[in-house]
């Protein structure tokens, strides 16, 4: 009986803490200047994300439809316009989506885009820094996003405060439980500046991270069930001794 309970508990816990693979990404499409997924100057980045998701990428005009968002495993919010802001509905939807633990990539830019950047960073409680990010940025965090990266070259992007900065130049941050990534430089992913230093490898890392796996939170009911089984095992062990 004890052995059956242990195996049952093991099976429950494996189910609870297993990984869910992000097989699909919903993109809120770029709306100005051609900066983003599917744009002519982003063929390499577009190809990297298509490869990482096995071409399971869909484009939407915005993130107003929460039911649609939930039907995808990850989100990409591309830049829109310098003076654009996320609607209240989008902020609410993004906040709720992030709380599920799924991965989200949000893109920003330099000081010309302060209104947009502030709107994006407001979703995760960050602050926009208008200082221009350019030159060589060295990784300061060991992470799958920085794996194999000696240095990248942001080109005239912006910076942010808050979260966890991946580089000594704070243009790339992880937020929350590590399931949200903000990049305050679209050039880091484009075909032209994407050839600098390890930018191409970083773009692939970003694509694979977005289409990667996230820990599945342990539901309360399953956790209580598992705890109860542990108690049963403990009781039987005490009786045996």
C-alpha atoms as a PDB file:
ATOM      1  CA  UNK A   1       0.000   0.000   0.000  1.00  0.00           C
ATOM      2  CA  UNK A   2       2.810   2.416   0.958  1.00  0.00           C
ATOM      3  CA  UNK A   3       4.531   1.839  -2.366  1.00  0.00           C
ATOM      4  CA  UNK A   4       1.313   2.570  -4.286  1.00  0.00           C
ATOM      5  CA  UNK A   5       0.804   5.808  -2.402  1.00  0.00           C
ATOM      6  CA  UNK A   6       4.385   6.919  -3.079  1.00  0.00           C
ATOM      7  CA  UNK A   7       4.057   6.203  -6.793  1.00  0.00           C
ATOM      8  CA  UNK A   8       0.714   7.999  -6.932  1.00  0.00           C
ATOM      9  CA  UNK A   9       2.183  11.016  -5.154  1.00  0.00           C
ATOM     10  CA  UNK A  10       5.165  11.037  -7.500  1.00  0.00           C
ATOM     11  CA  UNK A  11       2.891  10.968 -10.521  1.00  0.00           C
ATOM     12  CA  UNK A  12       0.765  13.819  -9.188  1.00  0.00           C
ATOM     13  CA  UNK A  13       3.807  15.988  -8.444  1.00  0.00           C
ATOM     14  CA  UNK A  14       5.381  15.328 -11.846  1.00  0.00           C
ATOM     15  CA  UNK A  15       2.139  16.392 -13.472  1.00  0.00           C
ATOM     16  CA  UNK A  16       1.974  19.494 -11.303  1.00  0.00           C
ATOM     17  CA  UNK A  17       5.504  20.780 -11.869  1.00  0.00           C
ATOM     18  CA  UNK A  18       5.958  19.616 -15.430  1.00  0.00           C
ATOM     19  CA  UNK A  19       6.737  21.978 -18.291  1.00  0.00           C
ATOM     20  CA  UNK A  20       4.404  23.330 -20.935  1.00  0.00           C
ATOM     21  CA  UNK A  21       5.943  24.081 -24.294  1.00  0.00           C
ATOM     22  CA  UNK A  22       4.999  27.313 -26.004  1.00  0.00           C
ATOM     23  CA  UNK A  23       3.987  26.077 -29.409  1.00  0.00           C
ATOM     24  CA  UNK A  24       2.316  29.272 -30.555  1.00  0.00           C
ATOM     25  CA  UNK A  25       2.962  33.018 -30.345  1.00  0.00           C
ATOM     26  CA  UNK A  26       0.487  35.848 -30.904  1.00  0.00           C
ATOM     27  CA  UNK A  27       2.092  39.052 -32.189  1.00  0.00           C
ATOM     28  CA  UNK A  28       0.597  42.504 -31.818  1.00  0.00           C
ATOM     29  CA  UNK A  29       1.879  43.799 -35.140  1.00  0.00           C
ATOM     30  CA  UNK A  30       4.142  46.803 -35.627  1.00  0.00           C
ATOM     31  CA  UNK A  31       2.137  49.756 -36.899  1.00  0.00           C
ATOM     32  CA  UNK A  32       4.735  52.334 -37.940  1.00  0.00           C
ATOM     33  CA  UNK A  33       8.263  52.628 -39.298  1.00  0.00           C
ATOM     34  CA  UNK A  34       8.555  48.928 -40.105  1.00  0.00           C
ATOM     35  CA  UNK A  35      10.183  47.882 -36.818  1.00  0.00           C
ATOM     36  CA  UNK A  36       9.182  44.355 -35.904  1.00  0.00           C
ATOM     37  CA  UNK A  37       8.202  40.802 -36.732  1.00  0.00           C
ATOM     38  CA  UNK A  38       7.324  40.384 -40.405  1.00  0.00           C
ATOM     39  CA  UNK A  39       8.803  43.729 -41.455  1.00  0.00           C
ATOM     40  CA  UNK A  40      11.137  43.773 -44.499  1.00  0.00           C
ATOM     41  CA  UNK A  41      14.177  44.698 -42.406  1.00  0.00           C
ATOM     42  CA  UNK A  42      13.576  41.914 -39.890  1.00  0.00           C
ATOM     43  CA  UNK A  43      13.827  38.818 -42.051  1.00  0.00           C
ATOM     44  CA  UNK A  44      16.385  37.118 -39.785  1.00  0.00           C
ATOM     45  CA  UNK A  45      14.397  37.783 -36.604  1.00  0.00           C
ATOM     46  CA  UNK A  46      11.151  36.738 -38.284  1.00  0.00           C
ATOM     47  CA  UNK A  47      12.811  33.551 -39.499  1.00  0.00           C
ATOM     48  CA  UNK A  48      14.255  32.810 -36.050  1.00  0.00           C
ATOM     49  CA  UNK A  49      10.844  33.091 -34.393  1.00  0.00           C
ATOM     50  CA  UNK A  50       9.162  31.064 -37.135  1.00  0.00           C
ATOM     51  CA  UNK A  51      11.767  28.341 -36.715  1.00  0.00           C
ATOM     52  CA  UNK A  52      11.505  28.334 -32.927  1.00  0.00           C
ATOM     53  CA  UNK A  53       7.707  27.983 -33.087  1.00  0.00           C
ATOM     54  CA  UNK A  54       7.563  25.691 -36.126  1.00  0.00           C
ATOM     55  CA  UNK A  55       5.766  28.524 -37.976  1.00  0.00           C
ATOM     56  CA  UNK A  56       3.103  28.771 -35.286  1.00  0.00           C
ATOM     57  CA  UNK A  57       2.929  32.574 -35.194  1.00  0.00           C
ATOM     58  CA  UNK A  58      -0.219  34.641 -35.691  1.00  0.00           C
ATOM     59  CA  UNK A  59      -0.442  38.424 -36.079  1.00  0.00           C
ATOM     60  CA  UNK A  60      -3.176  40.580 -34.523  1.00  0.00           C
ATOM     61  CA  UNK A  61      -3.758  44.323 -34.616  1.00  0.00           C
ATOM     62  CA  UNK A  62      -3.798  44.644 -30.808  1.00  0.00           C
ATOM     63  CA  UNK A  63      -4.277  42.813 -27.523  1.00  0.00           C
ATOM     64  CA  UNK A  64      -7.895  43.835 -26.930  1.00  0.00           C
ATOM     65  CA  UNK A  65      -9.254  40.266 -27.166  1.00  0.00           C
ATOM     66  CA  UNK A  66      -8.261  38.362 -24.051  1.00  0.00           C
ATOM     67  CA  UNK A  67      -9.877  35.111 -25.180  1.00  0.00           C
ATOM     68  CA  UNK A  68      -7.747  35.242 -28.321  1.00  0.00           C
ATOM     69  CA  UNK A  69      -4.625  35.931 -26.243  1.00  0.00           C
ATOM     70  CA  UNK A  70      -5.291  32.950 -23.999  1.00  0.00           C
ATOM     71  CA  UNK A  71      -5.440  30.666 -27.024  1.00  0.00           C
ATOM     72  CA  UNK A  72      -1.698  31.286 -27.546  1.00  0.00           C
ATOM     73  CA  UNK A  73       1.232  30.159 -25.454  1.00  0.00           C
ATOM     74  CA  UNK A  74       3.229  33.410 -25.635  1.00  0.00           C
ATOM     75  CA  UNK A  75       2.872  37.026 -26.742  1.00  0.00           C
ATOM     76  CA  UNK A  76       5.023  39.510 -28.646  1.00  0.00           C
ATOM     77  CA  UNK A  77       4.169  43.203 -28.388  1.00  0.00           C
ATOM     78  CA  UNK A  78       5.964  45.096 -31.154  1.00  0.00           C
ATOM     79  CA  UNK A  79       6.364  48.874 -31.214  1.00  0.00           C
ATOM     80  CA  UNK A  80       3.516  50.870 -32.739  1.00  0.00           C
ATOM     81  CA  UNK A  81       4.157  54.598 -32.925  1.00  0.00           C
ATOM     82  CA  UNK A  82       6.201  57.135 -30.967  1.00  0.00           C
ATOM     83  CA  UNK A  83       3.130  58.658 -29.346  1.00  0.00           C
ATOM     84  CA  UNK A  84       1.049  55.475 -29.087  1.00  0.00           C
ATOM     85  CA  UNK A  85      -0.127  54.092 -25.764  1.00  0.00           C
ATOM     86  CA  UNK A  86      -1.648  50.786 -24.754  1.00  0.00           C
ATOM     87  CA  UNK A  87      -5.366  50.972 -24.076  1.00  0.00           C
ATOM     88  CA  UNK A  88      -6.684  50.316 -20.578  1.00  0.00           C
ATOM     89  CA  UNK A  89      -8.126  47.048 -21.866  1.00  0.00           C
ATOM     90  CA  UNK A  90      -4.762  45.965 -23.250  1.00  0.00           C
ATOM     91  CA  UNK A  91      -2.983  46.803 -19.999  1.00  0.00           C
ATOM     92  CA  UNK A  92      -5.533  44.762 -18.071  1.00  0.00           C
ATOM     93  CA  UNK A  93      -5.310  41.875 -20.531  1.00  0.00           C
ATOM     94  CA  UNK A  94      -1.508  41.859 -20.505  1.00  0.00           C
ATOM     95  CA  UNK A  95      -1.427  41.971 -16.708  1.00  0.00           C
ATOM     96  CA  UNK A  96      -3.805  39.033 -16.466  1.00  0.00           C
ATOM     97  CA  UNK A  97      -1.942  37.087 -19.141  1.00  0.00           C
ATOM     98  CA  UNK A  98       1.414  37.649 -17.438  1.00  0.00           C
ATOM     99  CA  UNK A  99      -0.077  36.386 -14.176  1.00  0.00           C
ATOM    100  CA  UNK A 100      -0.690  33.004 -15.840  1.00  0.00           C
ATOM    101  CA  UNK A 101       3.094  32.542 -16.050  1.00  0.00           C
ATOM    102  CA  UNK A 102       3.223  32.528 -19.839  1.00  0.00           C
ATOM    103  CA  UNK A 103       6.005  34.369 -21.608  1.00  0.00           C
ATOM    104  CA  UNK A 104       5.686  37.858 -23.025  1.00  0.00           C
ATOM    105  CA  UNK A 105       8.171  39.935 -25.042  1.00  0.00           C
ATOM    106  CA  UNK A 106       7.514  43.683 -25.212  1.00  0.00           C
ATOM    107  CA  UNK A 107       9.502  45.983 -27.489  1.00  0.00           C
ATOM    108  CA  UNK A 108      10.465  49.619 -26.953  1.00  0.00           C
ATOM    109  CA  UNK A 109      12.851  52.156 -28.451  1.00  0.00           C
ATOM    110  CA  UNK A 110      14.848  55.333 -27.762  1.00  0.00           C
ATOM    111  CA  UNK A 111      13.907  58.713 -26.253  1.00  0.00           C
ATOM    112  CA  UNK A 112      11.832  59.651 -29.299  1.00  0.00           C
ATOM    113  CA  UNK A 113       9.485  56.878 -28.153  1.00  0.00           C
ATOM    114  CA  UNK A 114       9.162  57.979 -24.511  1.00  0.00           C
ATOM    115  CA  UNK A 115       5.345  57.891 -24.560  1.00  0.00           C
ATOM    116  CA  UNK A 116       5.230  54.370 -25.972  1.00  0.00           C
ATOM    117  CA  UNK A 117       8.074  53.091 -23.807  1.00  0.00           C
ATOM    118  CA  UNK A 118       6.512  54.446 -20.629  1.00  0.00           C
ATOM    119  CA  UNK A 119       3.211  52.793 -21.531  1.00  0.00           C
ATOM    120  CA  UNK A 120       4.887  49.424 -22.115  1.00  0.00           C
ATOM    121  CA  UNK A 121       7.035  49.529 -18.988  1.00  0.00           C
ATOM    122  CA  UNK A 122       4.028  50.595 -16.929  1.00  0.00           C
ATOM    123  CA  UNK A 123       2.579  47.122 -17.440  1.00  0.00           C
ATOM    124  CA  UNK A 124       5.398  45.618 -15.352  1.00  0.00           C
ATOM    125  CA  UNK A 125       6.016  48.550 -13.018  1.00  0.00           C
ATOM    126  CA  UNK A 126       9.182  49.740 -14.747  1.00  0.00           C
ATOM    127  CA  UNK A 127      10.432  53.236 -15.522  1.00  0.00           C
ATOM    128  CA  UNK A 128      11.762  54.476 -18.826  1.00  0.00           C
ATOM    129  CA  UNK A 129      15.259  55.984 -18.925  1.00  0.00           C
ATOM    130  CA  UNK A 130      15.819  58.259 -21.949  1.00  0.00           C
ATOM    131  CA  UNK A 131      19.572  57.600 -21.926  1.00  0.00           C
ATOM    132  CA  UNK A 132      20.588  56.225 -25.322  1.00  0.00           C
ATOM    133  CA  UNK A 133      21.885  52.649 -25.365  1.00  0.00           C
ATOM    134  CA  UNK A 134      24.640  52.205 -27.922  1.00  0.00           C
ATOM    135  CA  UNK A 135      27.976  50.417 -28.001  1.00  0.00           C
ATOM    136  CA  UNK A 136      28.968  47.065 -26.516  1.00  0.00           C
ATOM    137  CA  UNK A 137      26.781  45.572 -23.790  1.00  0.00           C
ATOM    138  CA  UNK A 138      28.226  42.720 -21.701  1.00  0.00           C
ATOM    139  CA  UNK A 139      26.013  40.087 -20.034  1.00  0.00           C
ATOM    140  CA  UNK A 140      25.779  40.375 -16.247  1.00  0.00           C
ATOM    141  CA  UNK A 141      23.299  37.518 -15.705  1.00  0.00           C
ATOM    142  CA  UNK A 142      23.782  33.848 -16.554  1.00  0.00           C
ATOM    143  CA  UNK A 143      20.541  32.936 -18.311  1.00  0.00           C
ATOM    144  CA  UNK A 144      19.328  31.113 -21.397  1.00  0.00           C
ATOM    145  CA  UNK A 145      18.926  34.517 -23.041  1.00  0.00           C
ATOM    146  CA  UNK A 146      22.632  35.287 -22.567  1.00  0.00           C
ATOM    147  CA  UNK A 147      23.936  31.786 -23.243  1.00  0.00           C
ATOM    148  CA  UNK A 148      26.838  31.922 -25.698  1.00  0.00           C
ATOM    149  CA  UNK A 149      26.780  35.736 -25.715  1.00  0.00           C
ATOM    150  CA  UNK A 150      30.057  37.604 -25.103  1.00  0.00           C
ATOM    151  CA  UNK A 151      28.585  40.971 -26.034  1.00  0.00           C
ATOM    152  CA  UNK A 152      25.817  42.592 -28.056  1.00  0.00           C
ATOM    153  CA  UNK A 153      25.557  45.977 -29.741  1.00  0.00           C
ATOM    154  CA  UNK A 154      22.411  48.026 -29.061  1.00  0.00           C
ATOM    155  CA  UNK A 155      22.166  50.829 -31.582  1.00  0.00           C
ATOM    156  CA  UNK A 156      20.478  53.967 -30.339  1.00  0.00           C
ATOM    157  CA  UNK A 157      17.831  52.289 -28.218  1.00  0.00           C
ATOM    158  CA  UNK A 158      16.595  53.296 -24.786  1.00  0.00           C
ATOM    159  CA  UNK A 159      17.043  52.012 -21.250  1.00  0.00           C
ATOM    160  CA  UNK A 160      14.833  51.126 -18.320  1.00  0.00           C
ATOM    161  CA  UNK A 161      14.903  50.958 -14.537  1.00  0.00           C
ATOM    162  CA  UNK A 162      13.502  48.034 -12.576  1.00  0.00           C
ATOM    163  CA  UNK A 163      13.375  44.331 -13.200  1.00  0.00           C
ATOM    164  CA  UNK A 164      16.560  42.344 -13.777  1.00  0.00           C
ATOM    165  CA  UNK A 165      18.935  43.768 -16.369  1.00  0.00           C
ATOM    166  CA  UNK A 166      20.590  41.103 -18.522  1.00  0.00           C
ATOM    167  CA  UNK A 167      23.473  43.363 -19.569  1.00  0.00           C
ATOM    168  CA  UNK A 168      25.641  46.086 -18.053  1.00  0.00           C
ATOM    169  CA  UNK A 169      23.780  48.466 -20.368  1.00  0.00           C
ATOM    170  CA  UNK A 170      20.168  48.263 -19.118  1.00  0.00           C
ATOM    171  CA  UNK A 171      18.194  47.932 -22.341  1.00  0.00           C
ATOM    172  CA  UNK A 172      17.039  44.314 -21.788  1.00  0.00           C
ATOM    173  CA  UNK A 173      15.176  43.324 -18.621  1.00  0.00           C
ATOM    174  CA  UNK A 174      13.327  40.360 -17.152  1.00  0.00           C
ATOM    175  CA  UNK A 175      10.306  41.095 -14.978  1.00  0.00           C
ATOM    176  CA  UNK A 176       7.920  39.362 -12.625  1.00  0.00           C
ATOM    177  CA  UNK A 177       8.696  35.665 -12.329  1.00  0.00           C
ATOM    178  CA  UNK A 178      11.099  35.927 -15.252  1.00  0.00           C
ATOM    179  CA  UNK A 179       8.357  35.345 -17.808  1.00  0.00           C
ATOM    180  CA  UNK A 180       8.381  38.899 -19.204  1.00  0.00           C
ATOM    181  CA  UNK A 181      11.203  40.336 -21.315  1.00  0.00           C
ATOM    182  CA  UNK A 182      11.440  43.962 -22.427  1.00  0.00           C
ATOM    183  CA  UNK A 183      13.876  45.132 -25.092  1.00  0.00           C
ATOM    184  CA  UNK A 184      14.226  48.901 -25.407  1.00  0.00           C
ATOM    185  CA  UNK A 185      15.942  48.603 -28.785  1.00  0.00           C
ATOM    186  CA  UNK A 186      14.354  47.224 -31.932  1.00  0.00           C
ATOM    187  CA  UNK A 187      17.677  47.459 -33.753  1.00  0.00           C
ATOM    188  CA  UNK A 188      19.116  44.607 -31.702  1.00  0.00           C
ATOM    189  CA  UNK A 189      16.888  42.293 -33.755  1.00  0.00           C
ATOM    190  CA  UNK A 190      16.956  43.887 -37.200  1.00  0.00           C
ATOM    191  CA  UNK A 191      18.910  42.700 -40.235  1.00  0.00           C
ATOM    192  CA  UNK A 192      21.329  45.641 -40.374  1.00  0.00           C
ATOM    193  CA  UNK A 193      22.410  46.168 -36.768  1.00  0.00           C
ATOM    194  CA  UNK A 194      21.721  42.521 -36.107  1.00  0.00           C
ATOM    195  CA  UNK A 195      25.087  41.699 -37.660  1.00  0.00           C
ATOM    196  CA  UNK A 196      27.051  43.420 -34.872  1.00  0.00           C
ATOM    197  CA  UNK A 197      28.921  41.297 -32.297  1.00  0.00           C
ATOM    198  CA  UNK A 198      26.668  38.518 -30.959  1.00  0.00           C
ATOM    199  CA  UNK A 199      23.409  40.206 -31.974  1.00  0.00           C
ATOM    200  CA  UNK A 200      22.446  37.341 -34.343  1.00  0.00           C
ATOM    201  CA  UNK A 201      22.915  34.739 -31.601  1.00  0.00           C
ATOM    202  CA  UNK A 202      21.011  36.897 -29.121  1.00  0.00           C
ATOM    203  CA  UNK A 203      18.086  37.185 -31.557  1.00  0.00           C
ATOM    204  CA  UNK A 204      17.951  33.389 -31.779  1.00  0.00           C
ATOM    205  CA  UNK A 205      18.108  33.127 -27.985  1.00  0.00           C
ATOM    206  CA  UNK A 206      15.202  35.560 -27.682  1.00  0.00           C
ATOM    207  CA  UNK A 207      13.152  33.601 -30.209  1.00  0.00           C
ATOM    208  CA  UNK A 208      13.843  30.296 -28.489  1.00  0.00           C
ATOM    209  CA  UNK A 209      13.114  31.793 -25.070  1.00  0.00           C
ATOM    210  CA  UNK A 210       9.768  33.162 -26.253  1.00  0.00           C
ATOM    211  CA  UNK A 211       8.860  29.821 -27.807  1.00  0.00           C
ATOM    212  CA  UNK A 212      10.335  27.873 -24.917  1.00  0.00           C
ATOM    213  CA  UNK A 213       8.866  26.221 -21.866  1.00  0.00           C
ATOM    214  CA  UNK A 214       7.601  27.679 -18.621  1.00  0.00           C
ATOM    215  CA  UNK A 215       7.085  25.921 -15.280  1.00  0.00           C
ATOM    216  CA  UNK A 216       3.475  24.974 -14.699  1.00  0.00           C
ATOM    217  CA  UNK A 217       2.365  26.369 -11.310  1.00  0.00           C
ATOM    218  CA  UNK A 218       1.175  23.798  -8.811  1.00  0.00           C
ATOM    219  CA  UNK A 219      -2.619  24.205  -8.479  1.00  0.00           C
ATOM    220  CA  UNK A 220      -3.756  24.620  -4.886  1.00  0.00           C
ATOM    221  CA  UNK A 221      -6.050  21.594  -4.982  1.00  0.00           C
ATOM    222  CA  UNK A 222      -3.309  19.311  -6.285  1.00  0.00           C
ATOM    223  CA  UNK A 223      -0.830  20.678  -3.744  1.00  0.00           C
ATOM    224  CA  UNK A 224      -3.263  19.966  -0.902  1.00  0.00           C
ATOM    225  CA  UNK A 225      -3.944  16.511  -2.316  1.00  0.00           C
ATOM    226  CA  UNK A 226      -0.213  15.832  -2.489  1.00  0.00           C
ATOM    227  CA  UNK A 227       0.294  17.109   1.051  1.00  0.00           C
ATOM    228  CA  UNK A 228      -2.438  14.792   2.238  1.00  0.00           C
ATOM    229  CA  UNK A 229      -0.747  11.837   0.585  1.00  0.00           C
ATOM    230  CA  UNK A 230       2.522  12.799   2.252  1.00  0.00           C
ATOM    231  CA  UNK A 231       0.686  12.743   5.556  1.00  0.00           C
ATOM    232  CA  UNK A 232      -0.684   9.281   4.817  1.00  0.00           C
ATOM    233  CA  UNK A 233       2.778   8.006   3.944  1.00  0.00           C
ATOM    234  CA  UNK A 234       4.147   9.493   7.168  1.00  0.00           C
ATOM    235  CA  UNK A 235       1.435   7.810   9.237  1.00  0.00           C
ATOM    236  CA  UNK A 236       2.098   4.406   7.684  1.00  0.00           C
ATOM    237  CA  UNK A 237       5.843   4.774   8.157  1.00  0.00           C
ATOM    238  CA  UNK A 238       5.366   5.618  11.831  1.00  0.00           C
ATOM    239  CA  UNK A 239       3.110   2.587  12.263  1.00  0.00           C
ATOM    240  CA  UNK A 240       5.708   0.346  10.646  1.00  0.00           C
ATOM    241  CA  UNK A 241       8.333   1.531  13.137  1.00  0.00           C
END
